[in-house]
Amino acid sequence: MTALSQPKSEVLTVNGLRLHYLDWGNAGAPPVVCVHGYASSAQAFNAPARHFQDRFHVIAPDVRGHGKSAWCPAGEYQYRDQVSDLSELVDQLGLARFTLIGTSMGGIIAMAYAGEHPERLLRLIINDIGPDMEEGTQRITQTVGSRPDEFTTLDEAMAYRRQAMPSWPAAARRTSGNLRSARFGNDRTAAGSGRWTLRTLSSECSTARHHGPHCGLCFSACPARLWWYGERKVMSCRRRKPGEW
């Protein structure tokens, strides 16, 4: 069985925080930056990164408070903070122009970044989100807001994740202990209780925030293609033809 390619795990200090990101190599190829959703991490892009790593230089950061990135001691998790992190990250990496992909919360961050820095983007791709508030956004906010902050054991935490996210791929549920623990953090609480905590923002930071119509400004300023799919208004994209982006 062929071993799957693995990214390099890298860290930069961004706005005073330790920000982790996955670098899938192929430096010199067109850069693509991928920003994950609220209840996820940089690993959400592993499959597409492997698929495209021969053609693109894929970089996937863990948003502050997620994955292996640091939690903000001051509790600063507004979109402006996340956009500022993204801006400083790409500056430190020397990405003059790049393609930006965002899923769900990452899509909001991507739209806001595009509105502020349209000249930096070759393309903007957003998934599972749009410029307007949707029922799905409210459902996710409610789910995260009602989530326990801590779990006694890793198995208990994994069971909750399976129940809360039934669409989570079965293969991911059967991962080894190291990969399973990558989804959660031990001793991440101030008290160092030894309990397990999801490596996403705590429920204290889950207040619903309408990202507002200003996000739509970016679409007139940088190349973007939009497809509304079905009644659920899910962002979708048709199959790319040879030579297309």
Protein backbone atom coordinates (compact mmCIF):
# COMPACT_ATOMS: atom_id res chain seq x y z
CA MET A 1 0.00 0.00 0.00
CA THR A 2 1.43 3.37 -1.05
CA ALA A 3 2.08 5.72 1.86
CA LEU A 4 0.21 8.99 1.71
CA SER A 5 2.30 12.11 1.24
CA GLN A 6 2.53 14.29 4.32
CA PRO A 7 2.91 18.06 4.67
CA LYS A 8 5.52 19.90 6.70
CA SER A 9 4.24 21.21 10.00
CA GLU A 10 5.42 24.80 10.34
CA VAL A 11 4.98 27.60 12.89
CA LEU A 12 5.19 31.40 12.65
CA THR A 13 4.62 34.10 15.24
CA VAL A 14 1.68 36.12 13.96
CA ASN A 15 0.25 39.07 15.89
CA GLY A 16 2.04 37.76 18.96
CA LEU A 17 0.51 34.28 18.68
CA ARG A 18 2.04 30.96 17.69
CA LEU A 19 0.28 30.18 14.39
CA HIS A 20 0.63 26.68 12.95
CA TYR A 21 0.24 25.82 9.28
CA LEU A 22 0.70 22.86 6.95
CA ASP A 23 2.98 23.35 3.96
CA TRP A 24 2.43 20.80 1.18
CA GLY A 25 5.59 21.71 -0.68
CA ASN A 26 6.20 22.45 -4.35
CA ALA A 27 7.60 25.91 -3.67
CA GLY A 28 7.65 27.95 -6.83
CA ALA A 29 4.31 26.58 -8.01
CA PRO A 30 1.23 28.84 -7.91
CA PRO A 31 0.41 29.34 -4.21
CA VAL A 32 -2.98 28.36 -2.79
CA VAL A 33 -3.94 29.28 0.79
CA CYS A 34 -6.78 27.27 2.37
CA VAL A 35 -8.68 28.48 5.44
CA HIS A 36 -10.79 25.92 7.33
CA GLY A 37 -14.19 26.13 9.02
CA TYR A 38 -15.17 26.79 12.63
CA ALA A 39 -15.23 23.21 13.89
CA SER A 40 -12.22 22.07 11.90
CA SER A 41 -8.49 22.57 11.35
CA ALA A 42 -5.87 22.76 8.61
CA GLN A 43 -6.17 18.99 8.18
CA ALA A 44 -9.57 19.50 6.57
CA PHE A 45 -7.72 20.20 3.31
CA ASN A 46 -5.48 17.12 3.36
CA ALA A 47 -7.31 15.31 0.55
CA PRO A 48 -7.47 18.20 -1.96
CA ALA A 49 -3.91 19.22 -1.05
CA ARG A 50 -2.62 15.75 -1.92
CA HIS A 51 -4.59 15.82 -5.18
CA PHE A 52 -3.20 19.17 -6.31
CA GLN A 53 0.25 19.24 -4.73
CA ASP A 54 1.95 18.42 -8.05
CA ARG A 55 0.49 21.61 -9.58
CA PHE A 56 0.18 24.05 -6.69
CA HIS A 57 1.94 25.11 -3.51
CA VAL A 58 -0.79 24.50 -0.93
CA ILE A 59 -0.62 26.17 2.48
CA ALA A 60 -3.29 25.48 5.11
CA PRO A 61 -3.12 27.41 8.40
CA ASP A 62 -4.80 26.56 11.68
CA VAL A 63 -6.87 29.63 12.54
CA ARG A 64 -6.07 31.04 15.99
CA GLY A 65 -7.63 28.89 18.70
CA HIS A 66 -7.89 25.89 16.35
CA GLY A 67 -5.70 22.87 15.62
CA LYS A 68 -2.15 23.44 16.80
CA SER A 69 -2.33 27.22 16.75
CA ALA A 70 -2.27 29.07 20.05
CA TRP A 71 -5.33 30.23 21.88
CA CYS A 72 -5.51 33.99 22.34
CA PRO A 73 -5.07 34.91 26.04
CA ALA A 74 -7.18 38.04 25.51
CA GLY A 75 -10.00 36.07 23.89
CA GLU A 76 -9.75 38.02 20.63
CA TYR A 77 -11.54 35.89 18.03
CA GLN A 78 -13.40 38.43 15.92
CA TYR A 79 -13.22 38.11 12.15
CA ARG A 80 -11.00 41.20 12.03
CA ASP A 81 -8.48 39.35 14.22
CA GLN A 82 -8.53 36.29 11.98
CA VAL A 83 -8.22 38.41 8.83
CA SER A 84 -5.28 40.23 10.37
CA ASP A 85 -3.63 36.88 11.10
CA LEU A 86 -4.14 35.76 7.50
CA SER A 87 -2.73 39.03 6.19
CA GLU A 88 0.41 38.81 8.32
CA LEU A 89 0.85 35.11 7.55
CA VAL A 90 0.90 35.58 3.77
CA ASP A 91 3.17 38.63 4.19
CA GLN A 92 5.69 36.60 6.20
CA LEU A 93 5.53 33.81 3.63
CA GLY A 94 6.21 36.30 0.87
CA LEU A 95 3.07 35.51 -1.14
CA ALA A 96 2.65 38.54 -3.38
CA ARG A 97 -0.37 37.08 -5.18
CA PHE A 98 -2.18 33.82 -4.51
CA THR A 99 -5.43 31.88 -4.72
CA LEU A 100 -7.49 31.94 -1.52
CA ILE A 101 -9.91 29.16 -0.59
CA GLY A 102 -12.21 29.37 2.43
CA THR A 103 -14.75 26.92 3.84
CA SER A 104 -17.61 28.09 6.07
CA MET A 105 -15.98 30.35 8.69
CA GLY A 106 -12.88 30.29 6.52
CA GLY A 107 -15.02 31.59 3.68
CA ILE A 108 -16.03 34.60 5.78
CA ILE A 109 -12.38 35.25 6.60
CA ALA A 110 -11.52 34.88 2.91
CA MET A 111 -14.27 37.28 1.79
CA ALA A 112 -13.23 39.87 4.35
CA TYR A 113 -9.58 39.53 3.35
CA ALA A 114 -10.52 39.90 -0.33
CA GLY A 115 -12.45 43.06 0.48
CA GLU A 116 -9.35 44.58 2.10
CA HIS A 117 -6.68 43.20 -0.23
CA PRO A 118 -8.21 42.48 -3.66
CA GLU A 119 -4.93 43.21 -5.41
CA ARG A 120 -3.30 40.23 -3.65
CA LEU A 121 -5.70 37.60 -4.96
CA LEU A 122 -5.52 35.71 -8.21
CA ARG A 123 -8.75 33.88 -7.38
CA LEU A 124 -11.22 33.64 -4.51
CA ILE A 125 -13.04 30.36 -3.87
CA ILE A 126 -15.56 30.07 -1.04
CA ASN A 127 -17.37 26.91 0.00
CA ASP A 128 -20.39 26.30 2.25
CA ILE A 129 -20.93 30.00 2.88
CA GLY A 130 -22.14 33.12 1.09
CA PRO A 131 -22.37 36.87 1.70
CA ASP A 132 -25.72 36.49 3.50
CA MET A 133 -26.64 34.83 6.78
CA GLU A 134 -28.12 31.35 6.21
CA GLU A 135 -29.90 28.72 8.30
CA GLY A 136 -26.83 26.49 8.13
CA THR A 137 -24.69 29.19 9.73
CA GLN A 138 -27.17 29.55 12.59
CA ARG A 139 -27.33 25.76 13.05
CA ILE A 140 -23.55 25.50 13.31
CA THR A 141 -23.44 28.37 15.82
CA GLN A 142 -26.10 26.69 17.95
CA THR A 143 -24.31 23.33 17.83
CA VAL A 144 -20.97 24.77 18.85
CA GLY A 145 -22.56 26.98 21.50
CA SER A 146 -24.14 23.97 23.22
CA ARG A 147 -20.99 21.84 23.08
CA PRO A 148 -19.29 20.77 26.34
CA ASP A 149 -16.05 22.65 26.90
CA GLU A 150 -14.25 19.59 28.30
CA PHE A 151 -14.35 15.79 28.15
CA THR A 152 -13.04 13.34 30.75
CA THR A 153 -11.45 10.97 28.21
CA LEU A 154 -10.43 11.06 24.56
CA ASP A 155 -12.95 8.31 23.76
CA GLU A 156 -15.72 10.44 25.26
CA ALA A 157 -14.64 13.39 23.14
CA MET A 158 -14.48 11.28 19.96
CA ALA A 159 -17.96 9.88 20.66
CA TYR A 160 -19.32 13.42 20.93
CA ARG A 161 -17.66 14.39 17.64
CA ARG A 162 -19.24 11.40 15.88
CA GLN A 163 -22.67 12.32 17.25
CA ALA A 164 -22.35 16.02 16.46
CA MET A 165 -20.85 15.44 13.00
CA PRO A 166 -22.44 12.31 11.48
CA SER A 167 -21.00 13.22 8.08
CA TRP A 168 -17.47 12.98 9.45
CA PRO A 169 -15.78 10.38 7.16
CA ALA A 170 -15.71 6.87 8.59
CA ALA A 171 -12.01 6.58 7.75
CA ALA A 172 -11.27 9.56 9.98
CA ARG A 173 -13.11 7.88 12.85
CA ARG A 174 -10.76 4.90 12.67
CA THR A 175 -7.51 6.84 12.80
CA SER A 176 -4.68 6.00 15.18
CA GLY A 177 -4.38 7.50 18.62
CA ASN A 178 -1.92 10.14 17.42
CA LEU A 179 -4.25 11.36 14.69
CA ARG A 180 -7.26 11.18 16.99
CA SER A 181 -5.53 13.24 19.64
CA ALA A 182 -4.60 15.81 16.97
CA ARG A 183 -8.28 16.77 16.94
CA PHE A 184 -8.22 17.46 20.67
CA GLY A 185 -5.89 18.99 23.23
CA ASN A 186 -4.95 17.57 26.62
CA ASP A 187 -4.17 19.90 29.53
CA ARG A 188 -5.26 22.85 27.38
CA THR A 189 -7.33 24.38 30.18
CA ALA A 190 -6.00 27.06 32.51
CA ALA A 191 -6.26 24.67 35.46
CA GLY A 192 -4.34 21.90 33.66
CA SER A 193 -6.99 19.41 34.72
CA GLY A 194 -5.90 16.70 32.28
CA ARG A 195 -9.30 16.75 30.60
CA TRP A 196 -9.71 16.86 26.82
CA THR A 197 -10.87 19.94 24.94
CA LEU A 198 -11.78 20.31 21.29
CA ARG A 199 -9.11 22.33 19.51
CA THR A 200 -11.60 24.90 18.31
CA LEU A 201 -12.87 27.95 20.11
CA SER A 202 -14.70 27.34 23.36
CA SER A 203 -18.46 27.80 23.57
CA GLU A 204 -17.80 31.12 25.33
CA CYS A 205 -16.64 32.52 21.97
CA SER A 206 -19.49 31.12 19.89
CA THR A 207 -21.82 34.12 19.89
CA ALA A 208 -23.50 34.45 16.52
CA ARG A 209 -22.10 37.28 14.43
CA HIS A 210 -23.68 38.40 11.16
CA HIS A 211 -20.87 38.91 8.68
CA GLY A 212 -23.02 41.40 6.81
CA PRO A 213 -23.26 42.66 3.26
CA HIS A 214 -19.77 44.19 3.27
CA CYS A 215 -18.37 40.78 2.38
CA GLY A 216 -19.96 41.08 -1.02
CA LEU A 217 -17.70 44.02 -1.88
CA CYS A 218 -14.82 41.66 -2.63
CA PHE A 219 -16.62 40.07 -5.57
CA SER A 220 -16.35 43.22 -7.65
CA ALA A 221 -12.70 43.67 -6.83
CA CYS A 222 -11.08 40.28 -7.54
CA PRO A 223 -11.78 37.29 -9.82
CA ALA A 224 -14.51 35.16 -8.23
CA ARG A 225 -16.98 32.60 -9.53
CA LEU A 226 -20.17 31.83 -7.66
CA TRP A 227 -22.58 28.93 -7.98
CA TRP A 228 -25.66 28.64 -5.75
CA TYR A 229 -26.66 25.01 -5.53
CA GLY A 230 -30.24 23.96 -4.78
CA GLU A 231 -32.59 25.17 -2.08
CA ARG A 232 -29.91 24.91 0.62
CA LYS A 233 -27.89 27.61 -1.11
CA VAL A 234 -24.68 25.61 -0.89
CA MET A 235 -21.75 27.05 -2.79
CA SER A 236 -20.66 24.65 -5.51
CA CYS A 237 -18.36 24.62 -8.51
CA ARG A 238 -18.66 22.84 -11.83
CA ARG A 239 -15.91 20.49 -13.00
CA ARG A 240 -12.85 22.33 -14.20
CA LYS A 241 -12.11 22.02 -17.90
CA PRO A 242 -8.52 21.62 -19.11
CA GLY A 243 -6.78 24.98 -18.97
CA GLU A 244 -9.38 26.52 -16.64
CA TRP A 245 -8.82 27.50 -13.01
